[in-house]
Amino acid sequence: MQELLEYLTLKQPQINATLAAETAQLNALVQPVVSHVLTAGGKRLRPLLTLLTAATLGYTDDDIYPLACSVELLHSATLMHDDIIDDAELRRGKPAAHTQFGNTKTVLAGDVLLAQANLVVARYNDTRLTQCIAEAIVKTATGEIEEIEYLRSISHSPETYIDIIKGKTAFLLQASCIMGAVKAGGSEEQIAAASDFGMNLGIAFQIVDDALDFAVSTKSIGKPVAGDLREGKLTPPLFMYLNTLDGTKRRDFVTKFEAGTFSEEEVCFVAEQIRELGLDNATRELADTYLDKAQQALEILPACPEREILLQTLDYVKSRSA
């Protein structure tokens, strides 16, 4: 992944400068909240995907940077809203925005970022781009509603889980790749390939994230271990663990999962069992199936150094430990 890291090191300063420039014009009352979120860290994967997809198709002009950053603005808004919904205390190891600024101001600052992302894309005067980001917003918000609908449910299918994480993560990565391909003047086949790549990369990214939820070190992932169990989200490690139980143990787990009454000791026990049974690794193997699909989609794009770096994003997702 050396080339990916070098590319990120090269591009990240301009990405961050663009994000700062695009948010500097916002109302002074909004800026502290926005700054808290945008300076909290993150690899800037979404802007990177736009830049790399466009470059793979031959477009490297600097005017693409605001477009690349538009989805990062959208992503930051969703994080602010999600943390309120989940009552999360941490984001990337730092206090979540709503714990510092309150729910009302954080929600409204997130709304401002959503609007700003749309404004940025509108400047490019391409209806395909404006439609892309609008659809990403609709699908992402719908995915969040769907996740809420199935909280503390053990009756929904693995297919429903995939639908949920498409909204939670994948649609934004997909939009990043599509906009890069569109801006570069890609053919319909190339745009479709970029779309498939982003979608499958995003699904795999979230599945790995759900495996990491049961990592040993809270510090390493910047959030409490087994948060999904506490919040009642039936992710693959928990689905697999449930399938190892029968009789009284299964009934007890289902009752406490649906009611949200696990003690802290019980949460830690389940997390330990998931690790001992290798269910976190089995979850990563599920992610690998989507990474394979992403790799196949990438083969349709022209062979070049940037495509090789895109290929390395698959290794990055596969090997994530934080």
Protein backbone atom coordinates (compact mmCIF):
# COMPACT_ATOMS: atom_id res chain seq x y z
CA MET A 1 0.00 0.00 0.00
CA GLN A 2 3.02 2.25 -0.24
CA GLU A 3 1.79 4.06 -3.35
CA LEU A 4 -1.60 4.71 -1.72
CA LEU A 5 0.05 6.19 1.37
CA GLU A 6 2.31 8.36 -0.76
CA TYR A 7 -0.62 9.56 -2.85
CA LEU A 8 -2.60 10.36 0.30
CA THR A 9 0.35 12.28 1.75
CA LEU A 10 0.63 14.23 -1.49
CA LYS A 11 -3.08 15.06 -1.84
CA GLN A 12 -4.24 15.44 1.75
CA PRO A 13 -2.93 19.00 2.30
CA GLN A 14 -4.89 20.32 -0.68
CA ILE A 15 -7.96 18.32 0.32
CA ASN A 16 -7.84 19.82 3.81
CA ALA A 17 -7.19 23.30 2.42
CA THR A 18 -10.20 22.94 0.13
CA LEU A 19 -12.42 21.80 2.99
CA ALA A 20 -11.26 24.81 5.02
CA ALA A 21 -11.92 27.18 2.13
CA GLU A 22 -15.38 25.78 1.44
CA THR A 23 -16.43 26.09 5.09
CA ALA A 24 -14.71 29.44 5.82
CA GLN A 25 -17.65 31.28 4.23
CA LEU A 26 -20.18 29.70 6.60
CA ASN A 27 -21.77 31.70 9.41
CA ALA A 28 -19.42 32.26 12.33
CA LEU A 29 -21.86 30.52 14.69
CA VAL A 30 -21.68 27.35 12.60
CA GLN A 31 -17.94 27.22 12.10
CA PRO A 32 -16.87 25.94 15.56
CA VAL A 33 -19.10 22.87 15.18
CA VAL A 34 -17.97 22.24 11.62
CA SER A 35 -14.32 22.72 12.53
CA HIS A 36 -14.65 20.28 15.44
CA VAL A 37 -15.80 17.56 13.05
CA LEU A 38 -13.51 18.28 10.10
CA THR A 39 -10.36 18.50 12.22
CA ALA A 40 -11.09 15.31 14.18
CA GLY A 41 -9.10 13.19 11.74
CA GLY A 42 -10.00 10.67 9.09
CA LYS A 43 -8.18 9.44 6.01
CA ARG A 44 -10.26 11.56 3.56
CA LEU A 45 -11.07 8.38 1.66
CA ARG A 46 -14.03 9.89 -0.19
CA PRO A 47 -12.17 12.84 -1.75
CA LEU A 48 -9.32 10.48 -2.52
CA LEU A 49 -11.64 8.16 -4.45
CA THR A 50 -12.95 11.05 -6.57
CA LEU A 51 -9.42 12.22 -7.39
CA LEU A 52 -8.18 8.72 -8.19
CA THR A 53 -11.17 7.73 -10.31
CA ALA A 54 -10.92 10.93 -12.34
CA ALA A 55 -7.15 10.54 -12.72
CA THR A 56 -7.58 6.93 -13.85
CA LEU A 57 -9.69 8.33 -16.69
CA GLY A 58 -7.15 11.05 -17.46
CA TYR A 59 -8.50 14.07 -15.55
CA THR A 60 -6.08 15.72 -13.11
CA ASP A 61 -7.02 19.42 -13.14
CA ASP A 62 -7.08 21.10 -9.73
CA ASP A 63 -10.64 22.34 -10.26
CA ILE A 64 -11.84 18.89 -9.22
CA TYR A 65 -10.87 19.40 -5.57
CA PRO A 66 -14.10 21.11 -4.42
CA LEU A 67 -16.10 18.37 -6.14
CA ALA A 68 -13.98 15.71 -4.42
CA CYS A 69 -14.54 17.41 -1.06
CA SER A 70 -18.31 17.77 -1.48
CA VAL A 71 -18.95 14.18 -0.39
CA GLU A 72 -16.63 14.66 2.58
CA LEU A 73 -18.83 17.57 3.67
CA LEU A 74 -21.86 15.34 3.26
CA HIS A 75 -20.14 12.52 5.16
CA SER A 76 -19.25 14.87 8.02
CA ALA A 77 -22.88 15.96 8.25
CA THR A 78 -24.05 12.35 8.51
CA LEU A 79 -21.52 11.68 11.28
CA MET A 80 -22.87 14.61 13.28
CA HIS A 81 -26.44 13.40 12.90
CA ASP A 82 -25.57 9.72 13.48
CA ASP A 83 -23.76 10.44 16.74
CA ILE A 84 -26.85 12.18 18.09
CA ILE A 85 -29.12 9.31 17.02
CA ASP A 86 -26.74 6.76 18.56
CA ASP A 87 -26.05 8.93 21.63
CA ALA A 88 -22.36 8.36 20.92
CA GLU A 89 -19.84 10.02 23.19
CA LEU A 90 -16.79 9.57 20.95
CA ARG A 91 -15.95 10.06 17.31
CA ARG A 92 -12.48 9.02 16.18
CA GLY A 93 -11.36 8.97 19.79
CA LYS A 94 -12.51 12.55 20.48
CA PRO A 95 -15.72 13.91 22.01
CA ALA A 96 -18.61 13.77 19.55
CA ALA A 97 -19.78 17.22 18.39
CA HIS A 98 -23.14 17.09 20.19
CA THR A 99 -21.41 16.50 23.54
CA GLN A 100 -19.57 19.81 23.07
CA PHE A 101 -22.16 22.00 21.33
CA GLY A 102 -25.52 20.41 22.14
CA ASN A 103 -27.94 18.49 19.94
CA THR A 104 -29.77 21.43 18.40
CA LYS A 105 -26.72 23.32 17.20
CA THR A 106 -25.07 20.12 15.96
CA VAL A 107 -28.13 19.04 13.95
CA LEU A 108 -28.42 22.47 12.34
CA ALA A 109 -24.68 22.62 11.60
CA GLY A 110 -25.04 19.24 9.91
CA ASP A 111 -27.91 20.61 7.85
CA VAL A 112 -25.71 23.51 6.79
CA LEU A 113 -23.00 21.10 5.64
CA LEU A 114 -25.55 19.12 3.61
CA ALA A 115 -26.63 22.31 1.86
CA GLN A 116 -23.03 23.41 1.36
CA ALA A 117 -22.18 20.11 -0.30
CA ASN A 118 -25.02 20.66 -2.75
CA LEU A 119 -23.89 24.22 -3.44
CA VAL A 120 -20.36 23.07 -4.18
CA VAL A 121 -21.55 20.48 -6.71
CA ALA A 122 -24.02 22.92 -8.30
CA ARG A 123 -21.11 25.19 -9.27
CA TYR A 124 -19.99 22.57 -11.80
CA ASN A 125 -23.17 23.10 -13.86
CA ASP A 126 -23.58 19.40 -14.64
CA THR A 127 -26.97 17.88 -13.86
CA ARG A 128 -25.40 14.42 -13.66
CA LEU A 129 -23.26 15.57 -10.74
CA THR A 130 -26.09 17.34 -8.92
CA GLN A 131 -28.32 14.31 -9.38
CA CYS A 132 -25.57 12.05 -8.06
CA ILE A 133 -25.08 13.91 -4.80
CA ALA A 134 -28.82 14.43 -4.33
CA GLU A 135 -29.43 10.70 -4.72
CA ALA A 136 -26.58 9.96 -2.30
CA ILE A 137 -28.23 12.19 0.32
CA VAL A 138 -31.64 10.58 -0.15
CA LYS A 139 -30.27 7.03 -0.04
CA THR A 140 -28.03 7.70 2.94
CA ALA A 141 -30.84 9.24 4.98
CA THR A 142 -33.14 6.38 3.98
CA GLY A 143 -30.51 3.88 5.08
CA GLU A 144 -30.37 5.54 8.48
CA ILE A 145 -34.15 5.27 8.82
CA GLU A 146 -33.95 1.62 7.83
CA GLU A 147 -31.29 0.96 10.46
CA ILE A 148 -33.49 2.56 13.12
CA GLU A 149 -36.45 0.46 11.97
CA TYR A 150 -34.52 -2.76 12.59
CA LEU A 151 -32.83 -1.82 15.87
CA ARG A 152 -33.09 -4.68 18.40
CA SER A 153 -34.55 -6.93 15.72
CA ILE A 154 -33.33 -10.49 15.26
CA SER A 155 -35.88 -11.36 12.58
CA HIS A 156 -34.48 -9.48 9.58
CA SER A 157 -32.34 -11.18 6.95
CA PRO A 158 -28.66 -10.75 6.05
CA GLU A 159 -29.91 -9.10 2.83
CA THR A 160 -31.62 -6.42 4.90
CA TYR A 161 -28.34 -5.84 6.73
CA ILE A 162 -26.63 -5.25 3.38
CA ASP A 163 -29.34 -2.76 2.40
CA ILE A 164 -28.77 -0.92 5.67
CA ILE A 165 -25.01 -0.62 5.25
CA LYS A 166 -25.39 0.52 1.67
CA GLY A 167 -27.17 3.54 3.11
CA LYS A 168 -24.85 3.82 6.08
CA THR A 169 -21.59 3.81 4.12
CA ALA A 170 -21.58 2.51 0.57
CA PHE A 171 -23.70 5.10 -1.25
CA LEU A 172 -21.28 7.89 -0.33
CA LEU A 173 -18.24 5.96 -1.55
CA GLN A 174 -20.16 5.09 -4.70
CA ALA A 175 -21.04 8.77 -5.26
CA SER A 176 -17.38 9.74 -4.83
CA CYS A 177 -16.34 7.35 -7.59
CA ILE A 178 -19.22 8.24 -9.91
CA MET A 179 -18.52 11.96 -9.69
CA GLY A 180 -14.85 11.42 -10.47
CA ALA A 181 -15.76 9.35 -13.54
CA VAL A 182 -18.39 11.84 -14.73
CA LYS A 183 -16.08 14.83 -14.29
CA ALA A 184 -13.40 12.99 -16.27
CA GLY A 185 -15.81 12.43 -19.16
CA GLY A 186 -15.90 8.66 -18.73
CA SER A 187 -18.03 6.45 -20.95
CA GLU A 188 -21.26 4.94 -19.64
CA GLU A 189 -19.42 1.64 -19.16
CA GLN A 190 -16.63 3.34 -17.22
CA ILE A 191 -19.07 5.29 -15.03
CA ALA A 192 -20.96 2.06 -14.30
CA ALA A 193 -17.68 0.34 -13.40
CA ALA A 194 -16.71 3.20 -11.09
CA SER A 195 -20.17 2.95 -9.50
CA ASP A 196 -19.81 -0.81 -8.91
CA PHE A 197 -16.33 -0.35 -7.52
CA GLY A 198 -17.44 2.30 -5.03
CA MET A 199 -20.52 0.35 -3.95
CA ASN A 200 -18.68 -2.90 -3.25
CA LEU A 201 -15.77 -1.11 -1.61
CA GLY A 202 -18.25 0.69 0.65
CA ILE A 203 -20.09 -2.50 1.64
CA ALA A 204 -16.79 -4.19 2.47
CA PHE A 205 -15.61 -1.14 4.41
CA GLN A 206 -18.67 -1.23 6.68
CA ILE A 207 -18.52 -5.00 7.17
CA VAL A 208 -14.90 -4.70 8.32
CA ASP A 209 -15.95 -1.82 10.57
CA ASP A 210 -18.56 -4.11 12.14
CA ALA A 211 -15.86 -6.73 12.71
CA LEU A 212 -13.66 -4.09 14.35
CA ASP A 213 -16.50 -3.28 16.74
CA PHE A 214 -15.41 -6.35 18.67
CA ALA A 215 -11.69 -5.52 18.69
CA VAL A 216 -9.91 -5.82 22.02
CA SER A 217 -8.72 -2.23 22.34
CA THR A 218 -11.25 0.59 22.68
CA LYS A 219 -8.42 3.07 22.23
CA SER A 220 -7.39 1.58 18.89
CA ILE A 221 -10.82 2.10 17.27
CA GLY A 222 -11.82 5.32 19.01
CA LYS A 223 -15.17 4.07 20.32
CA PRO A 224 -16.45 1.59 22.92
CA VAL A 225 -15.99 -2.08 22.08
CA ALA A 226 -19.20 -3.95 21.19
CA GLY A 227 -21.13 -0.75 20.65
CA ASP A 228 -23.37 -2.52 18.14
CA LEU A 229 -24.47 -5.00 20.80
CA ARG A 230 -25.28 -2.18 23.21
CA GLU A 231 -27.23 -0.32 20.52
CA GLY A 232 -29.10 -3.39 19.28
CA LYS A 233 -27.62 -3.61 15.79
CA LEU A 234 -27.56 -7.16 14.43
CA THR A 235 -24.30 -7.09 12.51
CA PRO A 236 -22.60 -10.21 11.06
CA PRO A 237 -20.52 -11.05 14.16
CA LEU A 238 -23.67 -10.98 16.28
CA PHE A 239 -25.75 -12.82 13.68
CA MET A 240 -23.11 -15.55 13.56
CA TYR A 241 -22.86 -15.67 17.36
CA LEU A 242 -26.64 -15.99 17.68
CA ASN A 243 -26.51 -18.99 15.35
CA THR A 244 -24.10 -20.76 17.74
CA LEU A 245 -26.68 -20.60 20.54
CA ASP A 246 -29.64 -22.85 21.17
CA GLY A 247 -32.19 -23.55 23.86
CA THR A 248 -32.11 -21.38 26.95
CA LYS A 249 -28.95 -19.54 25.94
CA ARG A 250 -30.50 -18.45 22.65
CA ARG A 251 -33.75 -17.37 24.31
CA ASP A 252 -31.86 -15.39 26.97
CA PHE A 253 -29.73 -13.65 24.35
CA VAL A 254 -32.74 -12.74 22.19
CA THR A 255 -34.69 -11.42 25.19
CA LYS A 256 -31.84 -9.19 26.35
CA PHE A 257 -30.96 -8.08 22.81
CA GLU A 258 -34.53 -7.02 22.08
CA ALA A 259 -34.88 -5.27 25.44
CA GLY A 260 -31.39 -3.79 25.55
CA THR A 261 -30.74 -5.14 29.02
CA PHE A 262 -27.27 -6.69 28.70
CA SER A 263 -25.05 -5.87 31.64
CA GLU A 264 -21.56 -4.56 30.96
CA GLU A 265 -20.16 -7.93 32.08
CA GLU A 266 -22.41 -9.72 29.60
CA VAL A 267 -21.42 -7.38 26.76
CA CYS A 268 -17.75 -8.09 27.43
CA PHE A 269 -18.45 -11.83 27.59
CA VAL A 270 -20.20 -11.83 24.19
CA ALA A 271 -17.38 -9.80 22.66
CA GLU A 272 -14.83 -12.26 24.05
CA GLN A 273 -16.82 -15.21 22.72
CA ILE A 274 -17.00 -13.64 19.26
CA ARG A 275 -13.24 -13.29 19.22
CA GLU A 276 -12.62 -16.80 20.60
CA LEU A 277 -14.96 -18.35 18.02
CA GLY A 278 -13.23 -16.42 15.26
CA LEU A 279 -16.44 -14.71 14.20
CA ASP A 280 -14.70 -11.37 13.73
CA ASN A 281 -12.40 -13.07 11.20
CA ALA A 282 -15.38 -14.80 9.56
CA THR A 283 -16.94 -11.36 9.16
CA ARG A 284 -13.80 -10.15 7.42
CA GLU A 285 -14.09 -13.11 5.05
CA LEU A 286 -17.59 -11.91 4.17
CA ALA A 287 -16.09 -8.50 3.37
CA ASP A 288 -13.60 -10.21 1.06
CA THR A 289 -16.43 -11.32 -1.26
CA TYR A 290 -17.32 -7.68 -1.88
CA LEU A 291 -13.69 -6.67 -2.27
CA ASP A 292 -13.42 -9.29 -5.02
CA LYS A 293 -16.40 -7.71 -6.79
CA ALA A 294 -14.81 -4.29 -6.47
CA GLN A 295 -11.59 -5.60 -8.01
CA GLN A 296 -13.50 -7.06 -10.94
CA ALA A 297 -15.22 -3.71 -11.57
CA LEU A 298 -11.87 -1.95 -11.49
CA GLU A 299 -10.55 -4.10 -14.32
CA ILE A 300 -12.88 -2.28 -16.74
CA LEU A 301 -11.07 1.02 -16.13
CA PRO A 302 -7.86 1.85 -18.04
CA ALA A 303 -4.64 0.36 -16.71
CA CYS A 304 -2.51 3.14 -15.22
CA PRO A 305 -0.69 4.03 -11.98
CA GLU A 306 -3.84 5.61 -10.51
CA ARG A 307 -5.83 2.43 -11.11
CA GLU A 308 -3.15 0.52 -9.23
CA ILE A 309 -3.55 2.90 -6.32
CA LEU A 310 -7.32 2.37 -6.41
CA LEU A 311 -6.56 -1.34 -6.23
CA GLN A 312 -4.56 -0.70 -3.07
CA THR A 313 -7.63 0.80 -1.39
CA LEU A 314 -8.95 -2.77 -1.36
CA ASP A 315 -5.89 -3.86 0.60
CA TYR A 316 -6.39 -0.91 2.94
CA VAL A 317 -9.98 -1.95 3.70
CA LYS A 318 -9.03 -5.62 4.01
CA SER A 319 -6.25 -4.95 6.51
CA ARG A 320 -7.94 -2.24 8.59
CA SER A 321 -7.27 -2.53 12.29
CA ALA A 322 -8.59 0.89 13.36
